[in-house]
Amino acid sequence: MNDIQKEQALSQDACFAKVFSRDDIKLAAARALFETKAVKIDVERPFTFASGIKSPIYCDNRRILGFPEQRSLIVSCFVQLIAGSQSDVIAGVATAGLPWASFIASDTGMPLAYVRSAAKDHGTKSMIEGADIKGKRVILIEDLISTGKSSIQAVRSLREEGAASVELKAIFSYQFDQASRNFAEENCTFESLSDFSVLIGLLQKENYLSREEAETALKWSKDPEHWGNGID
């Protein structure tokens, strides 16, 4: 079975966790990003992340929501990862992680919560909505990880509300060293369905990236904080 056949089988088999490896899932998730045109390339006019980092490549994971087949694949991938974790509650980071957390909670029958970006200024003034997370083991769902700072803020909110433990799962990671350091300092484990190195390999294979664009992306990934200096 070649890579394309495996990816097609993944999208058709809800029980693929029993058959396919972690590497197969990384490739299938990367292909879902490619097929839904979630990957944007612009070397001349780089994208700016919330962290301020300028990038020639951007993954708009929200696009996957509009494609039922790829959406189901991503949910199934998440369910496999969660199956290996001891957890009580699924929580989503508002707003991008919330749809995925909702799909996963529905698929697994687990309680659902979500973490606001800021506390309400009225009513209960809650940061956490939905299921009670006090004393619970929480799986936190995010769409992507760059530096990890916004995700870590959500982790802290859950801990402050009494979560017994928090693990982060995301669709995609840019594999920044800074993210690994930030999560290590926070003593929080994290895992993504796919990552930058797998995605770049797929894009090159599909001739979506020119040789020059691929080299630019790889150069950027080694020093993302300084790559965009001098670009307006």
Protein backbone atom coordinates (compact mmCIF):
# COMPACT_ATOMS: atom_id res chain seq x y z
CA MET A 1 0.00 0.00 0.00
CA ASN A 2 1.52 3.34 -1.06
CA ASP A 3 1.19 6.68 0.77
CA ILE A 4 -1.82 7.87 -1.25
CA GLN A 5 -3.69 4.60 -0.68
CA LYS A 6 -2.98 4.80 3.06
CA GLU A 7 -4.30 8.36 3.24
CA GLN A 8 -7.47 7.36 1.37
CA ALA A 9 -7.96 4.43 3.71
CA LEU A 10 -7.50 6.69 6.74
CA SER A 11 -10.37 8.90 5.61
CA GLN A 12 -12.63 5.90 5.06
CA ASP A 13 -11.83 3.84 8.18
CA ALA A 14 -12.93 5.24 11.54
CA CYS A 15 -10.92 2.49 13.25
CA PHE A 16 -7.62 3.25 11.50
CA ALA A 17 -5.89 3.63 14.89
CA LYS A 18 -5.68 -0.16 15.03
CA VAL A 19 -3.92 -0.37 11.66
CA PHE A 20 -1.88 2.73 10.79
CA SER A 21 1.24 4.14 12.41
CA ARG A 22 1.84 7.59 13.89
CA ASP A 23 3.90 8.51 10.81
CA ASP A 24 0.97 7.60 8.55
CA ILE A 25 -1.28 9.91 10.56
CA LYS A 26 1.23 12.79 10.34
CA LEU A 27 1.28 12.46 6.58
CA ALA A 28 -2.51 12.12 6.29
CA ALA A 29 -3.08 15.23 8.44
CA ALA A 30 -0.55 17.19 6.35
CA ARG A 31 -2.36 16.08 3.19
CA ALA A 32 -5.65 17.31 4.67
CA LEU A 33 -4.06 20.76 5.01
CA PHE A 34 -2.80 20.56 1.42
CA GLU A 35 -6.08 19.33 -0.08
CA THR A 36 -8.14 22.05 1.60
CA LYS A 37 -5.68 24.76 0.51
CA ALA A 38 -5.04 25.65 4.14
CA VAL A 39 -1.35 26.26 3.34
CA LYS A 40 -0.48 29.73 2.06
CA ILE A 41 2.92 30.74 0.62
CA ASP A 42 4.06 34.34 0.09
CA VAL A 43 7.77 35.09 0.24
CA GLU A 44 7.39 38.68 -0.99
CA ARG A 45 4.64 39.64 1.49
CA PRO A 46 5.18 37.51 4.60
CA PHE A 47 2.41 36.73 7.04
CA THR A 48 2.63 38.10 10.58
CA PHE A 49 1.79 35.80 13.49
CA ALA A 50 0.15 36.99 16.71
CA SER A 51 3.60 36.69 18.30
CA GLY A 52 4.98 39.22 15.80
CA ILE A 53 7.00 36.63 13.89
CA LYS A 54 6.99 37.14 10.11
CA SER A 55 6.62 34.02 8.03
CA PRO A 56 6.65 33.07 4.32
CA ILE A 57 4.26 30.20 5.07
CA TYR A 58 0.94 30.14 6.91
CA CYS A 59 -1.44 27.32 7.83
CA ASP A 60 -5.06 28.44 8.03
CA ASN A 61 -6.47 25.32 9.71
CA ARG A 62 -9.95 26.84 9.91
CA ARG A 63 -10.39 26.01 6.21
CA ILE A 64 -10.59 22.31 7.05
CA LEU A 65 -13.91 22.91 8.80
CA GLY A 66 -15.54 23.45 5.41
CA PHE A 67 -14.47 20.06 4.02
CA PRO A 68 -16.41 17.15 5.61
CA GLU A 69 -14.05 14.35 4.52
CA GLN A 70 -10.86 16.03 5.74
CA ARG A 71 -12.66 17.32 8.84
CA SER A 72 -13.67 13.77 9.78
CA LEU A 73 -10.13 12.58 9.21
CA ILE A 74 -8.70 15.19 11.58
CA VAL A 75 -11.27 14.31 14.27
CA SER A 76 -10.41 10.62 13.93
CA CYS A 77 -6.72 11.44 14.30
CA PHE A 78 -7.42 13.38 17.48
CA VAL A 79 -9.51 10.53 18.87
CA GLN A 80 -6.60 8.15 18.36
CA LEU A 81 -4.21 10.41 20.29
CA ILE A 82 -6.68 10.86 23.12
CA ALA A 83 -7.29 7.12 23.36
CA GLY A 84 -3.78 6.78 24.76
CA SER A 85 -4.31 9.43 27.44
CA GLN A 86 -5.94 9.23 30.85
CA SER A 87 -8.49 12.04 30.58
CA ASP A 88 -11.86 13.16 31.91
CA VAL A 89 -12.75 16.32 29.96
CA ILE A 90 -12.14 17.70 26.46
CA ALA A 91 -11.56 21.46 26.39
CA GLY A 92 -11.13 23.79 23.42
CA VAL A 93 -9.19 27.02 23.15
CA ALA A 94 -11.56 29.72 21.92
CA THR A 95 -12.07 30.26 19.17
CA ALA A 96 -10.03 28.11 16.79
CA GLY A 97 -9.81 25.04 19.03
CA LEU A 98 -13.46 25.02 20.07
CA PRO A 99 -15.02 23.42 16.95
CA TRP A 100 -12.50 20.57 17.09
CA ALA A 101 -13.04 20.03 20.80
CA SER A 102 -16.79 19.89 20.14
CA PHE A 103 -16.41 17.27 17.41
CA ILE A 104 -14.08 15.18 19.59
CA ALA A 105 -16.32 15.37 22.66
CA SER A 106 -19.31 14.32 20.54
CA ASP A 107 -17.38 11.44 19.00
CA THR A 108 -16.01 10.14 22.31
CA GLY A 109 -18.97 10.97 24.55
CA MET A 110 -16.74 13.01 26.86
CA PRO A 111 -17.72 16.23 28.71
CA LEU A 112 -16.84 19.47 26.88
CA ALA A 113 -15.47 22.77 28.15
CA TYR A 114 -13.84 25.74 26.52
CA VAL A 115 -11.36 28.42 27.59
CA ARG A 116 -12.10 32.05 26.82
CA SER A 117 -9.34 34.38 25.66
CA ALA A 118 -10.47 36.78 28.41
CA ALA A 119 -12.91 36.55 31.29
CA LYS A 120 -16.44 37.88 30.75
CA ASP A 121 -17.02 41.34 32.21
CA HIS A 122 -20.56 40.38 33.23
CA GLY A 123 -22.50 37.47 34.73
CA THR A 124 -20.20 34.89 36.32
CA LYS A 125 -17.10 36.49 34.75
CA SER A 126 -15.87 32.99 33.92
CA MET A 127 -12.77 32.07 31.93
CA ILE A 128 -13.89 28.44 31.63
CA GLU A 129 -17.30 27.51 30.27
CA GLY A 130 -19.05 24.16 30.01
CA ALA A 131 -18.00 21.07 31.96
CA ASP A 132 -16.62 21.30 35.49
CA ILE A 133 -12.84 20.84 35.27
CA LYS A 134 -11.94 20.95 38.97
CA GLY A 135 -9.94 17.88 39.90
CA LYS A 136 -10.28 16.57 36.33
CA ARG A 137 -7.69 15.44 33.81
CA VAL A 138 -8.15 17.75 30.82
CA ILE A 139 -7.19 17.34 27.17
CA LEU A 140 -6.89 20.83 25.69
CA ILE A 141 -7.45 21.14 21.93
CA GLU A 142 -5.81 23.85 19.81
CA ASP A 143 -5.65 24.27 16.03
CA LEU A 144 -1.94 25.09 15.76
CA ILE A 145 1.18 25.85 17.76
CA SER A 146 3.75 28.49 16.83
CA THR A 147 5.51 29.84 19.94
CA GLY A 148 2.88 28.26 22.20
CA LYS A 149 2.27 31.41 24.24
CA SER A 150 -1.48 31.70 23.65
CA SER A 151 -1.98 27.97 24.26
CA ILE A 152 0.00 28.17 27.49
CA GLN A 153 -2.25 30.99 28.68
CA ALA A 154 -5.22 28.62 28.28
CA VAL A 155 -3.31 25.89 30.15
CA ARG A 156 -2.74 28.30 33.03
CA SER A 157 -6.42 29.26 33.11
CA LEU A 158 -7.42 25.60 33.43
CA ARG A 159 -4.91 25.02 36.21
CA GLU A 160 -6.06 28.12 38.06
CA GLU A 161 -9.60 26.72 37.95
CA GLY A 162 -8.40 23.50 39.55
CA ALA A 163 -7.71 21.07 36.71
CA ALA A 164 -5.75 18.09 38.01
CA SER A 165 -3.69 17.87 34.80
CA VAL A 166 -3.65 19.39 31.33
CA GLU A 167 -2.30 17.95 28.07
CA LEU A 168 -2.34 19.93 24.84
CA LYS A 169 -3.18 18.42 21.44
CA ALA A 170 -3.06 20.47 18.21
CA ILE A 171 -3.60 19.89 14.51
CA PHE A 172 -0.28 21.40 13.46
CA SER A 173 3.01 22.60 14.94
CA TYR A 174 5.59 24.83 13.30
CA GLN A 175 8.19 22.99 15.46
CA PHE A 176 9.72 26.15 16.88
CA ASP A 177 12.41 25.55 19.50
CA GLN A 178 10.82 28.41 21.42
CA ALA A 179 7.56 26.45 21.72
CA SER A 180 9.37 23.42 23.12
CA ARG A 181 11.12 25.64 25.68
CA ASN A 182 7.88 27.42 26.62
CA PHE A 183 5.97 24.18 27.20
CA ALA A 184 8.88 22.65 29.12
CA GLU A 185 9.00 25.68 31.41
CA GLU A 186 5.26 25.34 31.95
CA ASN A 187 5.65 21.60 32.61
CA CYS A 188 2.97 20.84 30.04
CA THR A 189 3.12 18.06 27.46
CA PHE A 190 1.97 18.80 23.92
CA GLU A 191 1.53 16.86 20.71
CA SER A 192 0.40 17.69 17.19
CA LEU A 193 -1.19 15.57 14.48
CA SER A 194 1.33 16.87 11.94
CA ASP A 195 4.21 19.31 11.81
CA PHE A 196 6.31 21.62 9.69
CA SER A 197 8.90 19.10 8.51
CA VAL A 198 6.26 16.60 7.35
CA LEU A 199 4.25 19.33 5.61
CA ILE A 200 7.24 20.75 3.74
CA GLY A 201 8.19 17.27 2.57
CA LEU A 202 4.67 16.73 1.22
CA LEU A 203 4.52 20.14 -0.48
CA GLN A 204 7.82 19.47 -2.24
CA LYS A 205 6.61 16.04 -3.36
CA GLU A 206 3.43 17.60 -4.77
CA ASN A 207 5.41 20.39 -6.51
CA TYR A 208 3.39 22.96 -4.57
CA LEU A 209 6.61 24.66 -3.51
CA SER A 210 9.28 25.77 -5.94
CA ARG A 211 12.84 24.90 -5.01
CA GLU A 212 13.45 28.50 -3.98
CA GLU A 213 10.29 28.60 -1.83
CA ALA A 214 11.20 25.34 -0.11
CA GLU A 215 14.69 26.65 0.68
CA THR A 216 13.20 29.89 2.02
CA ALA A 217 10.74 27.99 4.24
CA LEU A 218 13.48 25.76 5.65
CA LYS A 219 15.75 28.76 6.28
CA TRP A 220 12.88 30.53 8.05
CA SER A 221 12.14 27.54 10.28
CA LYS A 222 15.69 27.59 11.67
CA ASP A 223 15.48 31.22 12.82
CA PRO A 224 11.87 32.46 12.63
CA GLU A 225 12.38 35.35 15.08
CA HIS A 226 14.89 37.10 12.80
CA TRP A 227 14.00 35.88 9.31
CA GLY A 228 11.60 38.75 8.51
CA ASN A 229 13.84 41.60 9.72
CA GLY A 230 13.97 44.32 7.12
CA ILE A 231 10.78 43.22 5.36
CA ASP A 232 7.98 45.80 5.47
